[in-house]
């Protein structure tokens, strides 16, 4: 049995979130071991993921304002996301944890992945958050990707279902479940 066993976790999101995979590969190639600069982002390098990208700028310790909103988020929200605080994307029960995770992206300077749902369970998706440096070299920006099931006829507020903390050097990664 041991020779014929294949670890499937490496393929888990491969078909479900292709735009997030594209963004993740792009960010990791830019990063090269350090947080990339916002000015390094080139939309020509992400043609298949542009509709799923959101660019945010830190406005407080654990919150950010959406500066650029891809079409997918606009479709899910039923409005243009530009100018909205990140916190307003989430329903009240998930908001505090979502803000904590965003704060960790800024402070730890490492990506996070959030699996999302909505109150009635009719929508599900995933958001990835990747830190960026601003023009002054501070980690005050995030390029995020969001991808999920087809947008609904009603606007969606996200419910945080689980999230992933990538491994820091010398530690194991963790996937934590909320509900």
Foldseek 3Di string as FASTA:
>chain_A
DVVPDDDCPVVVCVPPCVLQVQVVVVQCVQQVPHAAAPVPDDVVSRVPNQLFKWKWFAPDLQKTFTQAHHVQLCLQQVHGRHGPMPLQLADPVASVVNSVVSNCCQVVQAKKKFWKAFDVRPKTWMKMWHWHAYPVRHRGMIMMGIDIDHHDPHHGRIDTAWMKDPDDVPGHIDIGGDD
